[in-house]
Amino acid sequence: MDGQQRQRALAAIKRHYLFAPLDEPELERLVAGVRLHELEAEQVLFHQEEEAKRFFLLADGQIKLFRRAADGNEKVVEIVHPGQTIAEAVLFMQRNRYPVNAQAVRPARVYAIDGQAYMALLQQNMAACMRILGDLSMRLHARLNDVVNLTQQNATFRVVRYLCELLPHDAENGALILLNTPKQVIASRLSVTPETLSRIMANLAKAGVIEVHGREIRVRDIAGLRSFE
């Protein structure tokens, strides 16, 4: 990376909780080994079972994490948005293999961070290590809640929860949601078929809580939408 790209990488890394406890010299050492990957839509970042030497911070674009079943069908386990990291938990596992595939949904820029360099910094800074492990634990509990929602709640609940998560915290009636993720990817993430996703959207529109215009969804009644949860 050139000097300008390195400064952008440093700024992006500083904003993420995984790096917040590190001081400026530590961050500079880490960024020195960062690589920038520019991916086209559908380009693979890494494959399942590939050796995990690096973890990643998404600068812009969108990445899907998925596993492929024996019948060839893929199950999307997460849709990664800018500012989120990928495969950071693998650093703390004895088996350093990526448990999923990662592929760009649309053009993306990704910072690849050397896992060994990051772990070396944590070993030298125990306070930072404990703080980061605490943050990872809280996020693990959130993921467990996601698993419960996917396995125990009905399809309408899951779709409504997904739409509500896309709303800003201060959203008001009339807020606009842009679905920039392909329908089949969203459906796989929510464990429904694309046809079921379309049917639920149509039912919500019929109930008067949303309006659907292609990829744009206008939430007419936020409280009414949340009531479906």
C-alpha atoms as a PDB file:
ATOM      1  CA  MET A   1       0.000   0.000   0.000  1.00  0.00           C
ATOM      2  CA  ASP A   2       1.143   3.557  -0.650  1.00  0.00           C
ATOM      3  CA  GLY A   3       1.255   6.212   2.078  1.00  0.00           C
ATOM      4  CA  GLN A   4      -2.305   7.425   1.514  1.00  0.00           C
ATOM      5  CA  GLN A   5      -3.734   3.896   1.505  1.00  0.00           C
ATOM      6  CA  ARG A   6      -1.797   3.117   4.678  1.00  0.00           C
ATOM      7  CA  GLN A   7      -3.290   6.148   6.433  1.00  0.00           C
ATOM      8  CA  ARG A   8      -6.799   5.088   5.385  1.00  0.00           C
ATOM      9  CA  ALA A   9      -6.107   1.588   6.682  1.00  0.00           C
ATOM     10  CA  LEU A  10      -4.849   2.981   9.988  1.00  0.00           C
ATOM     11  CA  ALA A  11      -7.960   5.163  10.365  1.00  0.00           C
ATOM     12  CA  ALA A  12     -10.291   2.223   9.635  1.00  0.00           C
ATOM     13  CA  ILE A  13      -8.450  -0.085  12.032  1.00  0.00           C
ATOM     14  CA  LYS A  14      -8.520   2.481  14.843  1.00  0.00           C
ATOM     15  CA  ARG A  15     -12.326   2.571  14.718  1.00  0.00           C
ATOM     16  CA  HIS A  16     -12.733  -1.169  15.337  1.00  0.00           C
ATOM     17  CA  TYR A  17     -13.029  -2.640  18.835  1.00  0.00           C
ATOM     18  CA  LEU A  18     -10.355  -5.278  18.140  1.00  0.00           C
ATOM     19  CA  PHE A  19      -7.726  -2.555  17.904  1.00  0.00           C
ATOM     20  CA  ALA A  20      -9.086   0.105  20.274  1.00  0.00           C
ATOM     21  CA  PRO A  21      -6.873  -0.961  23.238  1.00  0.00           C
ATOM     22  CA  LEU A  22      -3.660  -0.736  21.174  1.00  0.00           C
ATOM     23  CA  ASP A  23      -1.484   2.376  21.376  1.00  0.00           C
ATOM     24  CA  GLU A  24      -0.168   4.325  18.388  1.00  0.00           C
ATOM     25  CA  PRO A  25       3.213   2.538  18.038  1.00  0.00           C
ATOM     26  CA  GLU A  26       1.464  -0.855  18.222  1.00  0.00           C
ATOM     27  CA  LEU A  27      -1.025   0.180  15.563  1.00  0.00           C
ATOM     28  CA  GLU A  28       1.750   1.453  13.314  1.00  0.00           C
ATOM     29  CA  ARG A  29       3.580  -1.877  13.612  1.00  0.00           C
ATOM     30  CA  LEU A  30       0.409  -3.765  12.768  1.00  0.00           C
ATOM     31  CA  VAL A  31      -0.541  -1.611   9.774  1.00  0.00           C
ATOM     32  CA  ALA A  32       2.952  -2.068   8.316  1.00  0.00           C
ATOM     33  CA  GLY A  33       1.972  -5.650   7.471  1.00  0.00           C
ATOM     34  CA  VAL A  34      -1.585  -4.967   6.264  1.00  0.00           C
ATOM     35  CA  ARG A  35      -2.450  -5.844   2.676  1.00  0.00           C
ATOM     36  CA  LEU A  36      -5.280  -4.360   0.627  1.00  0.00           C
ATOM     37  CA  HIS A  37      -7.423  -6.758  -1.440  1.00  0.00           C
ATOM     38  CA  GLU A  38      -9.748  -5.344  -4.093  1.00  0.00           C
ATOM     39  CA  LEU A  39     -12.399  -7.893  -5.025  1.00  0.00           C
ATOM     40  CA  GLU A  40     -14.832  -7.994  -7.923  1.00  0.00           C
ATOM     41  CA  ALA A  41     -18.393  -9.216  -7.387  1.00  0.00           C
ATOM     42  CA  GLU A  42     -18.427 -13.008  -6.763  1.00  0.00           C
ATOM     43  CA  GLN A  43     -14.653 -13.134  -6.285  1.00  0.00           C
ATOM     44  CA  VAL A  44     -13.584 -15.440  -3.441  1.00  0.00           C
ATOM     45  CA  LEU A  45     -11.606 -14.017  -0.514  1.00  0.00           C
ATOM     46  CA  PHE A  46     -10.862 -17.417   1.041  1.00  0.00           C
ATOM     47  CA  HIS A  47     -12.149 -20.977   0.985  1.00  0.00           C
ATOM     48  CA  GLN A  48     -13.411 -23.177   3.798  1.00  0.00           C
ATOM     49  CA  GLU A  49     -10.584 -25.261   5.338  1.00  0.00           C
ATOM     50  CA  GLU A  50      -7.914 -22.966   3.879  1.00  0.00           C
ATOM     51  CA  GLU A  51      -5.130 -22.191   6.361  1.00  0.00           C
ATOM     52  CA  ALA A  52      -6.051 -19.028   8.277  1.00  0.00           C
ATOM     53  CA  LYS A  53      -2.943 -16.855   8.387  1.00  0.00           C
ATOM     54  CA  ARG A  54      -4.831 -13.567   8.195  1.00  0.00           C
ATOM     55  CA  PHE A  55      -8.102 -12.043   9.315  1.00  0.00           C
ATOM     56  CA  PHE A  56      -9.858  -9.200   7.545  1.00  0.00           C
ATOM     57  CA  LEU A  57     -11.503  -5.808   7.954  1.00  0.00           C
ATOM     58  CA  LEU A  58     -14.042  -4.840   5.291  1.00  0.00           C
ATOM     59  CA  ALA A  59     -13.442  -1.257   4.121  1.00  0.00           C
ATOM     60  CA  ASP A  60     -16.320  -1.100   1.651  1.00  0.00           C
ATOM     61  CA  GLY A  61     -18.566  -3.396  -0.358  1.00  0.00           C
ATOM     62  CA  GLN A  62     -20.184  -6.556   0.948  1.00  0.00           C
ATOM     63  CA  ILE A  63     -18.952 -10.082   1.737  1.00  0.00           C
ATOM     64  CA  LYS A  64     -21.000 -13.200   2.367  1.00  0.00           C
ATOM     65  CA  LEU A  65     -19.775 -16.024   4.585  1.00  0.00           C
ATOM     66  CA  PHE A  66     -21.213 -19.395   3.671  1.00  0.00           C
ATOM     67  CA  ARG A  67     -20.828 -23.142   3.904  1.00  0.00           C
ATOM     68  CA  ARG A  68     -21.610 -25.543   1.090  1.00  0.00           C
ATOM     69  CA  ALA A  69     -23.769 -28.588   1.816  1.00  0.00           C
ATOM     70  CA  ALA A  70     -23.179 -32.062   0.423  1.00  0.00           C
ATOM     71  CA  ASP A  71     -25.858 -31.455  -2.221  1.00  0.00           C
ATOM     72  CA  GLY A  72     -24.012 -28.377  -3.457  1.00  0.00           C
ATOM     73  CA  ASN A  73     -26.389 -25.827  -1.987  1.00  0.00           C
ATOM     74  CA  GLU A  74     -24.870 -22.986   0.017  1.00  0.00           C
ATOM     75  CA  LYS A  75     -26.021 -21.744   3.393  1.00  0.00           C
ATOM     76  CA  VAL A  76     -25.181 -18.110   4.106  1.00  0.00           C
ATOM     77  CA  VAL A  77     -24.196 -17.733   7.756  1.00  0.00           C
ATOM     78  CA  GLU A  78     -23.415 -14.015   7.726  1.00  0.00           C
ATOM     79  CA  ILE A  79     -23.486 -10.947   5.493  1.00  0.00           C
ATOM     80  CA  VAL A  80     -20.525  -8.711   6.336  1.00  0.00           C
ATOM     81  CA  HIS A  81     -20.820  -4.928   5.983  1.00  0.00           C
ATOM     82  CA  PRO A  82     -18.150  -2.182   5.966  1.00  0.00           C
ATOM     83  CA  GLY A  83     -16.443  -1.731   9.318  1.00  0.00           C
ATOM     84  CA  GLN A  84     -16.876  -5.390  10.318  1.00  0.00           C
ATOM     85  CA  THR A  85     -14.102  -7.965  10.639  1.00  0.00           C
ATOM     86  CA  ILE A  86     -13.960 -11.472   9.196  1.00  0.00           C
ATOM     87  CA  ALA A  87     -12.390 -14.594  10.737  1.00  0.00           C
ATOM     88  CA  GLU A  88     -10.997 -12.843  13.817  1.00  0.00           C
ATOM     89  CA  ALA A  89     -12.233 -15.653  16.102  1.00  0.00           C
ATOM     90  CA  VAL A  90     -10.048 -18.164  14.226  1.00  0.00           C
ATOM     91  CA  LEU A  91      -7.012 -16.499  15.811  1.00  0.00           C
ATOM     92  CA  PHE A  92      -8.005 -17.931  19.191  1.00  0.00           C
ATOM     93  CA  MET A  93      -8.707 -21.452  17.911  1.00  0.00           C
ATOM     94  CA  GLN A  94      -6.206 -24.305  18.000  1.00  0.00           C
ATOM     95  CA  ARG A  95      -7.276 -25.359  14.504  1.00  0.00           C
ATOM     96  CA  ASN A  96      -6.227 -22.473  12.253  1.00  0.00           C
ATOM     97  CA  ARG A  97      -8.529 -23.200   9.328  1.00  0.00           C
ATOM     98  CA  TYR A  98     -11.296 -20.981   8.006  1.00  0.00           C
ATOM     99  CA  PRO A  99     -14.618 -22.624   8.958  1.00  0.00           C
ATOM    100  CA  VAL A 100     -16.520 -20.965   6.081  1.00  0.00           C
ATOM    101  CA  ASN A 101     -16.072 -19.591   2.571  1.00  0.00           C
ATOM    102  CA  ALA A 102     -15.915 -15.822   2.008  1.00  0.00           C
ATOM    103  CA  GLN A 103     -17.033 -14.293  -1.281  1.00  0.00           C
ATOM    104  CA  ALA A 104     -17.749 -10.734  -2.422  1.00  0.00           C
ATOM    105  CA  VAL A 105     -21.444 -10.058  -3.031  1.00  0.00           C
ATOM    106  CA  ARG A 106     -20.502  -6.847  -4.827  1.00  0.00           C
ATOM    107  CA  PRO A 107     -17.151  -5.102  -5.426  1.00  0.00           C
ATOM    108  CA  ALA A 108     -15.293  -4.823  -2.136  1.00  0.00           C
ATOM    109  CA  ARG A 109     -12.055  -3.569  -0.594  1.00  0.00           C
ATOM    110  CA  VAL A 110     -10.676  -5.626   2.276  1.00  0.00           C
ATOM    111  CA  TYR A 111      -7.744  -5.074   4.628  1.00  0.00           C
ATOM    112  CA  ALA A 112      -5.917  -8.348   5.351  1.00  0.00           C
ATOM    113  CA  ILE A 113      -4.225  -8.313   8.753  1.00  0.00           C
ATOM    114  CA  ASP A 114      -1.423 -10.664   9.757  1.00  0.00           C
ATOM    115  CA  GLY A 115      -2.757 -12.932  12.480  1.00  0.00           C
ATOM    116  CA  GLN A 116       0.608 -13.758  14.057  1.00  0.00           C
ATOM    117  CA  ALA A 117       1.583 -10.076  14.248  1.00  0.00           C
ATOM    118  CA  TYR A 118      -1.709  -9.243  15.953  1.00  0.00           C
ATOM    119  CA  MET A 119      -1.395 -12.098  18.454  1.00  0.00           C
ATOM    120  CA  ALA A 120       2.184 -11.053  19.247  1.00  0.00           C
ATOM    121  CA  LEU A 121       0.934  -7.573  20.180  1.00  0.00           C
ATOM    122  CA  LEU A 122      -1.724  -9.048  22.460  1.00  0.00           C
ATOM    123  CA  GLN A 123       0.817 -11.294  24.186  1.00  0.00           C
ATOM    124  CA  GLN A 124       2.824  -8.183  25.013  1.00  0.00           C
ATOM    125  CA  ASN A 125      -0.233  -6.247  26.221  1.00  0.00           C
ATOM    126  CA  MET A 126      -2.282  -8.403  28.601  1.00  0.00           C
ATOM    127  CA  ALA A 127      -4.736  -5.611  29.490  1.00  0.00           C
ATOM    128  CA  ALA A 128      -5.605  -5.159  25.810  1.00  0.00           C
ATOM    129  CA  CYS A 129      -5.926  -8.920  25.391  1.00  0.00           C
ATOM    130  CA  MET A 130      -8.407  -9.283  28.262  1.00  0.00           C
ATOM    131  CA  ARG A 131     -10.493  -6.348  27.043  1.00  0.00           C
ATOM    132  CA  ILE A 132     -10.687  -7.777  23.534  1.00  0.00           C
ATOM    133  CA  LEU A 133     -11.595 -11.255  24.804  1.00  0.00           C
ATOM    134  CA  GLY A 134     -14.431  -9.651  26.796  1.00  0.00           C
ATOM    135  CA  ASP A 135     -15.745  -7.955  23.655  1.00  0.00           C
ATOM    136  CA  LEU A 136     -15.504 -11.216  21.712  1.00  0.00           C
ATOM    137  CA  SER A 137     -17.479 -13.013  24.441  1.00  0.00           C
ATOM    138  CA  MET A 138     -20.311 -10.474  24.245  1.00  0.00           C
ATOM    139  CA  ARG A 139     -20.464 -10.857  20.491  1.00  0.00           C
ATOM    140  CA  LEU A 140     -20.523 -14.635  20.855  1.00  0.00           C
ATOM    141  CA  HIS A 141     -23.638 -14.334  23.019  1.00  0.00           C
ATOM    142  CA  ALA A 142     -25.226 -12.161  20.318  1.00  0.00           C
ATOM    143  CA  ARG A 143     -24.443 -14.821  17.709  1.00  0.00           C
ATOM    144  CA  LEU A 144     -26.033 -17.479  19.912  1.00  0.00           C
ATOM    145  CA  ASN A 145     -29.191 -15.361  20.014  1.00  0.00           C
ATOM    146  CA  ASP A 146     -29.102 -15.263  16.212  1.00  0.00           C
ATOM    147  CA  VAL A 147     -28.932 -19.061  16.132  1.00  0.00           C
ATOM    148  CA  VAL A 148     -31.949 -19.283  18.450  1.00  0.00           C
ATOM    149  CA  ASN A 149     -33.904 -16.887  16.234  1.00  0.00           C
ATOM    150  CA  LEU A 150     -33.068 -18.908  13.128  1.00  0.00           C
ATOM    151  CA  THR A 151     -34.040 -22.235  14.667  1.00  0.00           C
ATOM    152  CA  GLN A 152     -36.952 -21.415  16.986  1.00  0.00           C
ATOM    153  CA  GLN A 153     -38.719 -18.420  15.432  1.00  0.00           C
ATOM    154  CA  ASN A 154     -40.954 -18.455  12.379  1.00  0.00           C
ATOM    155  CA  ALA A 155     -40.013 -17.079   8.977  1.00  0.00           C
ATOM    156  CA  THR A 156     -41.959 -13.833   9.363  1.00  0.00           C
ATOM    157  CA  PHE A 157     -40.171 -13.084  12.649  1.00  0.00           C
ATOM    158  CA  ARG A 158     -36.783 -13.598  11.004  1.00  0.00           C
ATOM    159  CA  VAL A 159     -37.578 -11.363   8.028  1.00  0.00           C
ATOM    160  CA  VAL A 160     -38.983  -8.611  10.256  1.00  0.00           C
ATOM    161  CA  ARG A 161     -35.957  -8.797  12.555  1.00  0.00           C
ATOM    162  CA  TYR A 162     -33.669  -8.448   9.537  1.00  0.00           C
ATOM    163  CA  LEU A 163     -35.541  -5.355   8.293  1.00  0.00           C
ATOM    164  CA  CYS A 164     -35.521  -3.790  11.763  1.00  0.00           C
ATOM    165  CA  GLU A 165     -31.759  -4.303  12.031  1.00  0.00           C
ATOM    166  CA  LEU A 166     -31.322  -2.296   8.816  1.00  0.00           C
ATOM    167  CA  LEU A 167     -33.178   0.696  10.276  1.00  0.00           C
ATOM    168  CA  PRO A 168     -31.148   3.494  11.894  1.00  0.00           C
ATOM    169  CA  HIS A 169     -31.621   3.791  15.663  1.00  0.00           C
ATOM    170  CA  ASP A 170     -33.363   7.149  15.237  1.00  0.00           C
ATOM    171  CA  ALA A 171     -35.527   6.090  12.291  1.00  0.00           C
ATOM    172  CA  GLU A 172     -39.028   7.522  11.981  1.00  0.00           C
ATOM    173  CA  ASN A 173     -42.055   6.420   9.995  1.00  0.00           C
ATOM    174  CA  GLY A 174     -41.305   6.713   6.300  1.00  0.00           C
ATOM    175  CA  ALA A 175     -37.662   5.606   6.691  1.00  0.00           C
ATOM    176  CA  LEU A 176     -36.171   4.075   3.552  1.00  0.00           C
ATOM    177  CA  ILE A 177     -34.267   0.783   3.473  1.00  0.00           C
ATOM    178  CA  LEU A 178     -32.163  -0.128   0.439  1.00  0.00           C
ATOM    179  CA  LEU A 179     -31.658  -3.853  -0.010  1.00  0.00           C
ATOM    180  CA  ASN A 180     -28.250  -3.919  -1.701  1.00  0.00           C
ATOM    181  CA  THR A 181     -27.876  -7.662  -1.090  1.00  0.00           C
ATOM    182  CA  PRO A 182     -29.294 -10.138  -3.638  1.00  0.00           C
ATOM    183  CA  LYS A 183     -32.595 -11.695  -2.596  1.00  0.00           C
ATOM    184  CA  GLN A 184     -31.240 -15.253  -2.691  1.00  0.00           C
ATOM    185  CA  VAL A 185     -28.392 -14.295  -0.331  1.00  0.00           C
ATOM    186  CA  ILE A 186     -30.796 -12.657   2.148  1.00  0.00           C
ATOM    187  CA  ALA A 187     -33.112 -15.659   1.937  1.00  0.00           C
ATOM    188  CA  SER A 188     -30.260 -18.083   2.630  1.00  0.00           C
ATOM    189  CA  ARG A 189     -29.113 -16.005   5.603  1.00  0.00           C
ATOM    190  CA  LEU A 190     -32.656 -16.097   7.042  1.00  0.00           C
ATOM    191  CA  SER A 191     -33.165 -19.816   6.273  1.00  0.00           C
ATOM    192  CA  VAL A 192     -36.123 -19.204   3.953  1.00  0.00           C
ATOM    193  CA  THR A 193     -36.619 -19.643   0.224  1.00  0.00           C
ATOM    194  CA  PRO A 194     -36.602 -16.583  -2.057  1.00  0.00           C
ATOM    195  CA  GLU A 195     -40.287 -17.271  -2.749  1.00  0.00           C
ATOM    196  CA  THR A 196     -41.091 -17.248   0.973  1.00  0.00           C
ATOM    197  CA  LEU A 197     -39.158 -14.007   1.405  1.00  0.00           C
ATOM    198  CA  SER A 198     -41.186 -12.373  -1.385  1.00  0.00           C
ATOM    199  CA  ARG A 199     -44.444 -13.660   0.096  1.00  0.00           C
ATOM    200  CA  ILE A 200     -43.631 -12.285   3.559  1.00  0.00           C
ATOM    201  CA  MET A 201     -42.696  -8.907   2.071  1.00  0.00           C
ATOM    202  CA  ALA A 202     -45.999  -8.878   0.200  1.00  0.00           C
ATOM    203  CA  ASN A 203     -47.910  -9.704   3.405  1.00  0.00           C
ATOM    204  CA  LEU A 204     -46.163  -6.901   5.285  1.00  0.00           C
ATOM    205  CA  ALA A 205     -47.028  -4.506   2.467  1.00  0.00           C
ATOM    206  CA  LYS A 206     -50.646  -5.694   2.526  1.00  0.00           C
ATOM    207  CA  ALA A 207     -50.702  -5.028   6.275  1.00  0.00           C
ATOM    208  CA  GLY A 208     -49.669  -1.448   5.526  1.00  0.00           C
ATOM    209  CA  VAL A 209     -46.400  -1.420   7.466  1.00  0.00           C
ATOM    210  CA  ILE A 210     -44.070  -1.267   4.448  1.00  0.00           C
ATOM    211  CA  GLU A 211     -44.059  -0.310   0.782  1.00  0.00           C
ATOM    212  CA  VAL A 212     -41.891  -2.315  -1.603  1.00  0.00           C
ATOM    213  CA  HIS A 213     -40.456  -0.689  -4.726  1.00  0.00           C
ATOM    214  CA  GLY A 214     -37.902  -3.079  -6.163  1.00  0.00           C
ATOM    215  CA  ARG A 215     -34.838  -2.942  -3.908  1.00  0.00           C
ATOM    216  CA  GLU A 216     -36.265  -0.013  -1.932  1.00  0.00           C
ATOM    217  CA  ILE A 217     -38.481  -0.593   1.091  1.00  0.00           C
ATOM    218  CA  ARG A 218     -40.211   2.302   2.776  1.00  0.00           C
ATOM    219  CA  VAL A 219     -41.229   1.538   6.353  1.00  0.00           C
ATOM    220  CA  ARG A 220     -44.557   3.316   6.797  1.00  0.00           C
ATOM    221  CA  ASP A 221     -45.181   2.120  10.356  1.00  0.00           C
ATOM    222  CA  ILE A 222     -42.089   1.191  12.384  1.00  0.00           C
ATOM    223  CA  ALA A 223     -44.072   0.232  15.494  1.00  0.00           C
ATOM    224  CA  GLY A 224     -46.385  -1.866  13.343  1.00  0.00           C
ATOM    225  CA  LEU A 225     -43.410  -3.609  11.746  1.00  0.00           C
ATOM    226  CA  ARG A 226     -41.823  -4.355  15.110  1.00  0.00           C
ATOM    227  CA  SER A 227     -45.109  -5.801  16.354  1.00  0.00           C
ATOM    228  CA  PHE A 228     -44.613  -8.726  13.984  1.00  0.00           C
ATOM    229  CA  GLU A 229     -41.580  -9.739  16.087  1.00  0.00           C
END
